[in-house]
Amino acid sequence: MFTCKQVSQALSKEDYEKLSPTRRFLLRLHVKLCIFCGKFNRQVMDAQDMCRCYKQHEESVAEHRPKLDSAKKDQLKALLAAQSKSEKS
């Protein structure tokens, strides 16, 4: 079984999903059972899960994102510049 310090170090140094299945199981077991570090380390694990999910979805969305041609980009820049000038006045 891991100590609280070992669990915190393992989560801060690397992604827990990259650990061996046995170590990952013991780490999750400790986090579920420990009243001292459970809440914090659960949040760390959730944050890592969210980052991993975001990264996976970002790559798939980027492939289907429409590309702007230079004329559209120039139009947007002009609109933003005009808007910032009117806000300053």
PDB file of N, CA and C in Angstrom:
ATOM      1  N   MET A   1       0.847  -1.191   0.000  1.00  0.00           N
ATOM      2  CA  MET A   1       0.000   0.000   0.000  1.00  0.00           C
ATOM      3  C   MET A   1       0.882   1.240   0.000  1.00  0.00           C
ATOM      4  N   PHE A   2       0.431   2.261  -0.682  1.00  0.00           N
ATOM      5  CA  PHE A   2       1.148   3.534  -0.769  1.00  0.00           C
ATOM      6  C   PHE A   2       0.927   4.361   0.491  1.00  0.00           C
ATOM      7  N   THR A   3       1.881   5.242   0.776  1.00  0.00           N
ATOM      8  CA  THR A   3       1.671   6.261   1.804  1.00  0.00           C
ATOM      9  C   THR A   3       1.094   7.494   1.114  1.00  0.00           C
ATOM     10  N   CYS A   4       0.583   8.415   1.906  1.00  0.00           N
ATOM     11  CA  CYS A   4       0.019   9.646   1.336  1.00  0.00           C
ATOM     12  C   CYS A   4       1.079  10.403   0.537  1.00  0.00           C
ATOM     13  N   LYS A   5       2.276  10.456   1.075  1.00  0.00           N
ATOM     14  CA  LYS A   5       3.353  11.170   0.400  1.00  0.00           C
ATOM     15  C   LYS A   5       3.689  10.514  -0.937  1.00  0.00           C
ATOM     16  N   GLN A   6       3.734   9.197  -0.991  1.00  0.00           N
ATOM     17  CA  GLN A   6       4.037   8.490  -2.231  1.00  0.00           C
ATOM     18  C   GLN A   6       2.951   8.726  -3.276  1.00  0.00           C
ATOM     19  N   VAL A   7       1.704   8.737  -2.838  1.00  0.00           N
ATOM     20  CA  VAL A   7       0.591   8.974  -3.767  1.00  0.00           C
ATOM     21  C   VAL A   7       0.692  10.380  -4.352  1.00  0.00           C
ATOM     22  N   SER A   8       0.918  11.361  -3.508  1.00  0.00           N
ATOM     23  CA  SER A   8       1.018  12.744  -3.979  1.00  0.00           C
ATOM     24  C   SER A   8       2.192  12.921  -4.932  1.00  0.00           C
ATOM     25  N   GLN A   9       3.316  12.298  -4.614  1.00  0.00           N
ATOM     26  CA  GLN A   9       4.481  12.399  -5.498  1.00  0.00           C
ATOM     27  C   GLN A   9       4.218  11.717  -6.835  1.00  0.00           C
ATOM     28  N   ALA A  10       3.600  10.543  -6.800  1.00  0.00           N
ATOM     29  CA  ALA A  10       3.314   9.823  -8.049  1.00  0.00           C
ATOM     30  C   ALA A  10       2.373  10.629  -8.934  1.00  0.00           C
ATOM     31  N   LEU A  11       1.386  11.284  -8.340  1.00  0.00           N
ATOM     32  CA  LEU A  11       0.433  12.069  -9.129  1.00  0.00           C
ATOM     33  C   LEU A  11       1.041  13.371  -9.636  1.00  0.00           C
ATOM     34  N   SER A  12       1.956  13.946  -8.883  1.00  0.00           N
ATOM     35  CA  SER A  12       2.525  15.218  -9.327  1.00  0.00           C
ATOM     36  C   SER A  12       3.621  15.024 -10.368  1.00  0.00           C
ATOM     37  N   LYS A  13       4.291  13.877 -10.362  1.00  0.00           N
ATOM     38  CA  LYS A  13       5.393  13.646 -11.290  1.00  0.00           C
ATOM     39  C   LYS A  13       4.943  13.121 -12.641  1.00  0.00           C
ATOM     40  N   GLU A  14       3.908  12.316 -12.657  1.00  0.00           N
ATOM     41  CA  GLU A  14       3.510  11.701 -13.918  1.00  0.00           C
ATOM     42  C   GLU A  14       2.007  11.482 -13.955  1.00  0.00           C
ATOM     43  N   ASP A  15       1.523  11.236 -15.118  1.00  0.00           N
ATOM     44  CA  ASP A  15       0.118  10.936 -15.310  1.00  0.00           C
ATOM     45  C   ASP A  15      -0.157   9.545 -14.760  1.00  0.00           C
ATOM     46  N   TYR A  16      -1.143   9.425 -13.889  1.00  0.00           N
ATOM     47  CA  TYR A  16      -1.387   8.134 -13.255  1.00  0.00           C
ATOM     48  C   TYR A  16      -1.837   7.069 -14.253  1.00  0.00           C
ATOM     49  N   GLU A  17      -2.363   7.458 -15.392  1.00  0.00           N
ATOM     50  CA  GLU A  17      -2.778   6.480 -16.395  1.00  0.00           C
ATOM     51  C   GLU A  17      -1.586   5.782 -17.038  1.00  0.00           C
ATOM     52  N   LYS A  18      -0.403   6.380 -16.927  1.00  0.00           N
ATOM     53  CA  LYS A  18       0.795   5.776 -17.510  1.00  0.00           C
ATOM     54  C   LYS A  18       1.457   4.779 -16.563  1.00  0.00           C
ATOM     55  N   LEU A  19       0.961   4.675 -15.326  1.00  0.00           N
ATOM     56  CA  LEU A  19       1.517   3.722 -14.370  1.00  0.00           C
ATOM     57  C   LEU A  19       1.118   2.303 -14.744  1.00  0.00           C
ATOM     58  N   SER A  20       1.831   1.349 -14.189  1.00  0.00           N
ATOM     59  CA  SER A  20       1.469  -0.057 -14.428  1.00  0.00           C
ATOM     60  C   SER A  20       0.093  -0.307 -13.822  1.00  0.00           C
ATOM     61  N   PRO A  21      -0.641  -1.295 -14.317  1.00  0.00           N
ATOM     62  CA  PRO A  21      -1.985  -1.563 -13.803  1.00  0.00           C
ATOM     63  C   PRO A  21      -2.015  -1.828 -12.292  1.00  0.00           C
ATOM     64  N   THR A  22      -1.014  -2.520 -11.779  1.00  0.00           N
ATOM     65  CA  THR A  22      -0.984  -2.817 -10.345  1.00  0.00           C
ATOM     66  C   THR A  22      -0.788  -1.549  -9.536  1.00  0.00           C
ATOM     67  N   ARG A  23       0.171  -0.733  -9.950  1.00  0.00           N
ATOM     68  CA  ARG A  23       0.424   0.531  -9.231  1.00  0.00           C
ATOM     69  C   ARG A  23      -0.776   1.473  -9.339  1.00  0.00           C
ATOM     70  N   ARG A  24      -1.406   1.501 -10.504  1.00  0.00           N
ATOM     71  CA  ARG A  24      -2.585   2.349 -10.689  1.00  0.00           C
ATOM     72  C   ARG A  24      -3.725   1.893  -9.786  1.00  0.00           C
ATOM     73  N   PHE A  25      -3.923   0.580  -9.667  1.00  0.00           N
ATOM     74  CA  PHE A  25      -4.962   0.043  -8.796  1.00  0.00           C
ATOM     75  C   PHE A  25      -4.689   0.416  -7.338  1.00  0.00           C
ATOM     76  N   LEU A  26      -3.437   0.224  -6.892  1.00  0.00           N
ATOM     77  CA  LEU A  26      -3.096   0.547  -5.510  1.00  0.00           C
ATOM     78  C   LEU A  26      -3.224   2.044  -5.238  1.00  0.00           C
ATOM     79  N   LEU A  27      -2.856   2.856  -6.215  1.00  0.00           N
ATOM     80  CA  LEU A  27      -2.982   4.302  -6.064  1.00  0.00           C
ATOM     81  C   LEU A  27      -4.455   4.697  -5.935  1.00  0.00           C
ATOM     82  N   ARG A  28      -5.288   4.172  -6.793  1.00  0.00           N
ATOM     83  CA  ARG A  28      -6.722   4.482  -6.728  1.00  0.00           C
ATOM     84  C   ARG A  28      -7.334   3.977  -5.429  1.00  0.00           C
ATOM     85  N   LEU A  29      -6.912   2.808  -4.983  1.00  0.00           N
ATOM     86  CA  LEU A  29      -7.418   2.248  -3.735  1.00  0.00           C
ATOM     87  C   LEU A  29      -7.060   3.162  -2.571  1.00  0.00           C
ATOM     88  N   HIS A  30      -5.828   3.625  -2.542  1.00  0.00           N
ATOM     89  CA  HIS A  30      -5.407   4.529  -1.470  1.00  0.00           C
ATOM     90  C   HIS A  30      -6.232   5.811  -1.495  1.00  0.00           C
ATOM     91  N   VAL A  31      -6.414   6.371  -2.680  1.00  0.00           N
ATOM     92  CA  VAL A  31      -7.161   7.630  -2.797  1.00  0.00           C
ATOM     93  C   VAL A  31      -8.600   7.450  -2.343  1.00  0.00           C
ATOM     94  N   LYS A  32      -9.196   6.307  -2.639  1.00  0.00           N
ATOM     95  CA  LYS A  32     -10.587   6.070  -2.223  1.00  0.00           C
ATOM     96  C   LYS A  32     -10.716   5.846  -0.719  1.00  0.00           C
ATOM     97  N   LEU A  33      -9.719   5.234  -0.111  1.00  0.00           N
ATOM     98  CA  LEU A  33      -9.821   4.869   1.294  1.00  0.00           C
ATOM     99  C   LEU A  33      -9.236   5.898   2.259  1.00  0.00           C
ATOM    100  N   CYS A  34      -8.316   6.723   1.802  1.00  0.00           N
ATOM    101  CA  CYS A  34      -7.610   7.637   2.698  1.00  0.00           C
ATOM    102  C   CYS A  34      -8.461   8.872   3.002  1.00  0.00           C
ATOM    103  N   ILE A  35      -8.668   9.136   4.278  1.00  0.00           N
ATOM    104  CA  ILE A  35      -9.451  10.319   4.659  1.00  0.00           C
ATOM    105  C   ILE A  35      -8.593  11.576   4.676  1.00  0.00           C
ATOM    106  N   PHE A  36      -7.269  11.413   4.692  1.00  0.00           N
ATOM    107  CA  PHE A  36      -6.374  12.565   4.799  1.00  0.00           C
ATOM    108  C   PHE A  36      -6.060  13.191   3.443  1.00  0.00           C
ATOM    109  N   CYS A  37      -5.727  12.381   2.460  1.00  0.00           N
ATOM    110  CA  CYS A  37      -5.321  12.957   1.172  1.00  0.00           C
ATOM    111  C   CYS A  37      -6.297  12.607   0.052  1.00  0.00           C
ATOM    112  N   GLY A  38      -7.330  11.872   0.356  1.00  0.00           N
ATOM    113  CA  GLY A  38      -8.256  11.409  -0.672  1.00  0.00           C
ATOM    114  C   GLY A  38      -8.866  12.507  -1.509  1.00  0.00           C
ATOM    115  N   LYS A  39      -9.393  13.537  -0.865  1.00  0.00           N
ATOM    116  CA  LYS A  39     -10.091  14.587  -1.608  1.00  0.00           C
ATOM    117  C   LYS A  39      -9.136  15.339  -2.537  1.00  0.00           C
ATOM    118  N   PHE A  40      -7.980  15.730  -2.016  1.00  0.00           N
ATOM    119  CA  PHE A  40      -7.015  16.466  -2.838  1.00  0.00           C
ATOM    120  C   PHE A  40      -6.555  15.621  -4.021  1.00  0.00           C
ATOM    121  N   ASN A  41      -6.132  14.396  -3.756  1.00  0.00           N
ATOM    122  CA  ASN A  41      -5.602  13.558  -4.826  1.00  0.00           C
ATOM    123  C   ASN A  41      -6.691  13.143  -5.809  1.00  0.00           C
ATOM    124  N   ARG A  42      -7.923  13.038  -5.361  1.00  0.00           N
ATOM    125  CA  ARG A  42      -9.036  12.771  -6.280  1.00  0.00           C
ATOM    126  C   ARG A  42      -9.184  13.943  -7.245  1.00  0.00           C
ATOM    127  N   GLN A  43      -9.032  15.160  -6.720  1.00  0.00           N
ATOM    128  CA  GLN A  43      -9.116  16.344  -7.578  1.00  0.00           C
ATOM    129  C   GLN A  43      -7.964  16.382  -8.576  1.00  0.00           C
ATOM    130  N   VAL A  44      -6.781  15.972  -8.149  1.00  0.00           N
ATOM    131  CA  VAL A  44      -5.633  15.916  -9.054  1.00  0.00           C
ATOM    132  C   VAL A  44      -5.908  14.906 -10.169  1.00  0.00           C
ATOM    133  N   MET A  45      -6.428  13.738  -9.797  1.00  0.00           N
ATOM    134  CA  MET A  45      -6.732  12.710 -10.793  1.00  0.00           C
ATOM    135  C   MET A  45      -7.821  13.192 -11.752  1.00  0.00           C
ATOM    136  N   ASP A  46      -8.838  13.859 -11.214  1.00  0.00           N
ATOM    137  CA  ASP A  46      -9.906  14.395 -12.072  1.00  0.00           C
ATOM    138  C   ASP A  46      -9.357  15.452 -13.027  1.00  0.00           C
ATOM    139  N   ALA A  47      -8.463  16.305 -12.536  1.00  0.00           N
ATOM    140  CA  ALA A  47      -7.869  17.329 -13.395  1.00  0.00           C
ATOM    141  C   ALA A  47      -7.048  16.698 -14.515  1.00  0.00           C
ATOM    142  N   GLN A  48      -6.299  15.650 -14.196  1.00  0.00           N
ATOM    143  CA  GLN A  48      -5.530  14.953 -15.231  1.00  0.00           C
ATOM    144  C   GLN A  48      -6.465  14.314 -16.251  1.00  0.00           C
ATOM    145  N   ASP A  49      -7.557  13.732 -15.784  1.00  0.00           N
ATOM    146  CA  ASP A  49      -8.538  13.132 -16.706  1.00  0.00           C
ATOM    147  C   ASP A  49      -9.138  14.191 -17.629  1.00  0.00           C
ATOM    148  N   MET A  50      -9.481  15.346 -17.061  1.00  0.00           N
ATOM    149  CA  MET A  50     -10.071  16.411 -17.872  1.00  0.00           C
ATOM    150  C   MET A  50      -9.078  16.931 -18.911  1.00  0.00           C
ATOM    151  N   CYS A  51      -7.820  17.097 -18.505  1.00  0.00           N
ATOM    152  CA  CYS A  51      -6.793  17.570 -19.446  1.00  0.00           C
ATOM    153  C   CYS A  51      -6.587  16.566 -20.574  1.00  0.00           C
ATOM    154  N   ARG A  52      -6.570  15.294 -20.233  1.00  0.00           N
ATOM    155  CA  ARG A  52      -6.386  14.249 -21.244  1.00  0.00           C
ATOM    156  C   ARG A  52      -7.571  14.245 -22.218  1.00  0.00           C
ATOM    157  N   CYS A  53      -8.769  14.353 -21.678  1.00  0.00           N
ATOM    158  CA  CYS A  53      -9.978  14.366 -22.513  1.00  0.00           C
ATOM    159  C   CYS A  53      -9.999  15.602 -23.407  1.00  0.00           C
ATOM    160  N   TYR A  54      -9.649  16.761 -22.850  1.00  0.00           N
ATOM    161  CA  TYR A  54      -9.613  17.986 -23.633  1.00  0.00           C
ATOM    162  C   TYR A  54      -8.611  17.875 -24.771  1.00  0.00           C
ATOM    163  N   LYS A  55      -7.451  17.337 -24.465  1.00  0.00           N
ATOM    164  CA  LYS A  55      -6.409  17.200 -25.480  1.00  0.00           C
ATOM    165  C   LYS A  55      -6.869  16.292 -26.613  1.00  0.00           C
ATOM    166  N   GLN A  56      -7.516  15.173 -26.276  1.00  0.00           N
ATOM    167  CA  GLN A  56      -8.011  14.252 -27.299  1.00  0.00           C
ATOM    168  C   GLN A  56      -9.076  14.918 -28.159  1.00  0.00           C
ATOM    169  N   HIS A  57      -9.997  15.646 -27.521  1.00  0.00           N
ATOM    170  CA  HIS A  57     -11.066  16.289 -28.278  1.00  0.00           C
ATOM    171  C   HIS A  57     -10.559  17.479 -29.076  1.00  0.00           C
ATOM    172  N   GLU A  58      -9.574  18.176 -28.544  1.00  0.00           N
ATOM    173  CA  GLU A  58      -9.019  19.321 -29.261  1.00  0.00           C
ATOM    174  C   GLU A  58      -8.396  18.884 -30.581  1.00  0.00           C
ATOM    175  N   GLU A  59      -7.682  17.767 -30.570  1.00  0.00           N
ATOM    176  CA  GLU A  59      -7.059  17.272 -31.787  1.00  0.00           C
ATOM    177  C   GLU A  59      -8.108  16.852 -32.816  1.00  0.00           C
ATOM    178  N   SER A  60      -9.188  16.210 -32.369  1.00  0.00           N
ATOM    179  CA  SER A  60     -10.215  15.779 -33.315  1.00  0.00           C
ATOM    180  C   SER A  60     -11.019  16.971 -33.847  1.00  0.00           C
ATOM    181  N   VAL A  61     -11.240  17.975 -33.019  1.00  0.00           N
ATOM    182  CA  VAL A  61     -11.986  19.162 -33.453  1.00  0.00           C
ATOM    183  C   VAL A  61     -11.141  19.999 -34.406  1.00  0.00           C
ATOM    184  N   ALA A  62      -9.843  20.068 -34.164  1.00  0.00           N
ATOM    185  CA  ALA A  62      -8.963  20.882 -35.001  1.00  0.00           C
ATOM    186  C   ALA A  62      -8.963  20.408 -36.447  1.00  0.00           C
ATOM    187  N   GLU A  63      -9.145  19.127 -36.660  1.00  0.00           N
ATOM    188  CA  GLU A  63      -9.174  18.596 -38.019  1.00  0.00           C
ATOM    189  C   GLU A  63     -10.387  19.101 -38.794  1.00  0.00           C
ATOM    190  N   HIS A  64     -11.500  19.359 -38.100  1.00  0.00           N
ATOM    191  CA  HIS A  64     -12.741  19.755 -38.760  1.00  0.00           C
ATOM    192  C   HIS A  64     -13.020  21.253 -38.657  1.00  0.00           C
ATOM    193  N   ARG A  65     -12.111  21.996 -38.056  1.00  0.00           N
ATOM    194  CA  ARG A  65     -12.305  23.424 -37.893  1.00  0.00           C
ATOM    195  C   ARG A  65     -12.145  24.107 -39.247  1.00  0.00           C
ATOM    196  N   PRO A  66     -13.084  24.972 -39.617  1.00  0.00           N
ATOM    197  CA  PRO A  66     -12.963  25.659 -40.906  1.00  0.00           C
ATOM    198  C   PRO A  66     -11.793  26.641 -40.893  1.00  0.00           C
ATOM    199  N   LYS A  67     -11.137  26.766 -42.022  1.00  0.00           N
ATOM    200  CA  LYS A  67      -9.984  27.665 -42.165  1.00  0.00           C
ATOM    201  C   LYS A  67     -10.465  28.998 -42.746  1.00  0.00           C
ATOM    202  N   LEU A  68      -9.934  30.088 -42.214  1.00  0.00           N
ATOM    203  CA  LEU A  68     -10.263  31.411 -42.731  1.00  0.00           C
ATOM    204  C   LEU A  68      -9.236  31.817 -43.778  1.00  0.00           C
ATOM    205  N   ASP A  69      -9.740  32.362 -44.884  1.00  0.00           N
ATOM    206  CA  ASP A  69      -8.797  32.870 -45.873  1.00  0.00           C
ATOM    207  C   ASP A  69      -8.310  34.251 -45.433  1.00  0.00           C
ATOM    208  N   SER A  70      -7.309  34.772 -46.093  1.00  0.00           N
ATOM    209  CA  SER A  70      -6.677  36.027 -45.659  1.00  0.00           C
ATOM    210  C   SER A  70      -7.643  37.212 -45.746  1.00  0.00           C
ATOM    211  N   ALA A  71      -8.562  37.199 -46.705  1.00  0.00           N
ATOM    212  CA  ALA A  71      -9.522  38.298 -46.829  1.00  0.00           C
ATOM    213  C   ALA A  71     -10.440  38.355 -45.606  1.00  0.00           C
ATOM    214  N   LYS A  72     -10.916  37.200 -45.170  1.00  0.00           N
ATOM    215  CA  LYS A  72     -11.794  37.145 -43.980  1.00  0.00           C
ATOM    216  C   LYS A  72     -11.019  37.573 -42.733  1.00  0.00           C
ATOM    217  N   LYS A  73      -9.767  37.146 -42.638  1.00  0.00           N
ATOM    218  CA  LYS A  73      -8.949  37.541 -41.487  1.00  0.00           C
ATOM    219  C   LYS A  73      -8.775  39.050 -41.452  1.00  0.00           C
ATOM    220  N   ASP A  74      -8.516  39.657 -42.613  1.00  0.00           N
ATOM    221  CA  ASP A  74      -8.355  41.107 -42.677  1.00  0.00           C
ATOM    222  C   ASP A  74      -9.639  41.825 -42.278  1.00  0.00           C
ATOM    223  N   GLN A  75     -10.787  41.296 -42.694  1.00  0.00           N
ATOM    224  CA  GLN A  75     -12.071  41.881 -42.317  1.00  0.00           C
ATOM    225  C   GLN A  75     -12.264  41.835 -40.798  1.00  0.00           C
ATOM    226  N   LEU A  76     -11.945  40.705 -40.209  1.00  0.00           N
ATOM    227  CA  LEU A  76     -12.090  40.578 -38.760  1.00  0.00           C
ATOM    228  C   LEU A  76     -11.153  41.524 -38.023  1.00  0.00           C
ATOM    229  N   LYS A  77      -9.932  41.643 -38.487  1.00  0.00           N
ATOM    230  CA  LYS A  77      -8.979  42.561 -37.863  1.00  0.00           C
ATOM    231  C   LYS A  77      -9.494  43.992 -37.934  1.00  0.00           C
ATOM    232  N   ALA A  78     -10.031  44.372 -39.077  1.00  0.00           N
ATOM    233  CA  ALA A  78     -10.557  45.731 -39.245  1.00  0.00           C
ATOM    234  C   ALA A  78     -11.735  45.972 -38.301  1.00  0.00           C
ATOM    235  N   LEU A  79     -12.624  44.994 -38.194  1.00  0.00           N
ATOM    236  CA  LEU A  79     -13.767  45.124 -37.286  1.00  0.00           C
ATOM    237  C   LEU A  79     -13.309  45.247 -35.835  1.00  0.00           C
ATOM    238  N   LEU A  80     -12.352  44.442 -35.431  1.00  0.00           N
ATOM    239  CA  LEU A  80     -11.847  44.505 -34.057  1.00  0.00           C
ATOM    240  C   LEU A  80     -11.148  45.839 -33.783  1.00  0.00           C
ATOM    241  N   ALA A  81     -10.385  46.319 -34.749  1.00  0.00           N
ATOM    242  CA  ALA A  81      -9.713  47.603 -34.582  1.00  0.00           C
ATOM    243  C   ALA A  81     -10.735  48.728 -34.457  1.00  0.00           C
ATOM    244  N   ALA A  82     -11.769  48.702 -35.282  1.00  0.00           N
ATOM    245  CA  ALA A  82     -12.807  49.730 -35.222  1.00  0.00           C
ATOM    246  C   ALA A  82     -13.549  49.670 -33.890  1.00  0.00           C
ATOM    247  N   GLN A  83     -13.807  48.463 -33.409  1.00  0.00           N
ATOM    248  CA  GLN A  83     -14.515  48.309 -32.148  1.00  0.00           C
ATOM    249  C   GLN A  83     -13.668  48.814 -30.980  1.00  0.00           C
ATOM    250  N   SER A  84     -12.379  48.525 -30.977  1.00  0.00           N
ATOM    251  CA  SER A  84     -11.523  48.985 -29.879  1.00  0.00           C
ATOM    252  C   SER A  84     -11.375  50.494 -29.899  1.00  0.00           C
ATOM    253  N   LYS A  85     -11.372  51.115 -31.102  1.00  0.00           N
ATOM    254  CA  LYS A  85     -11.295  52.579 -31.197  1.00  0.00           C
ATOM    255  C   LYS A  85     -12.576  53.215 -30.652  1.00  0.00           C
ATOM    256  N   SER A  86     -13.742  52.602 -30.957  1.00  0.00           N
ATOM    257  CA  SER A  86     -14.995  53.182 -30.477  1.00  0.00           C
ATOM    258  C   SER A  86     -15.144  53.005 -28.960  1.00  0.00           C
ATOM    259  N   GLU A  87     -14.562  51.955 -28.396  1.00  0.00           N
ATOM    260  CA  GLU A  87     -14.629  51.750 -26.940  1.00  0.00           C
ATOM    261  C   GLU A  87     -13.733  52.730 -26.209  1.00  0.00           C
ATOM    262  N   LYS A  88     -12.609  53.126 -26.824  1.00  0.00           N
ATOM    263  CA  LYS A  88     -11.675  54.073 -26.206  1.00  0.00           C
ATOM    264  C   LYS A  88     -12.235  55.490 -26.210  1.00  0.00           C
ATOM    265  N   SER A  89     -13.105  55.796 -27.174  1.00  0.00           N
ATOM    266  CA  SER A  89     -13.656  57.153 -27.298  1.00  0.00           C
ATOM    267  C   SER A  89     -14.732  57.417 -26.300  1.00  0.00           C
TER     268      SER A  89
END
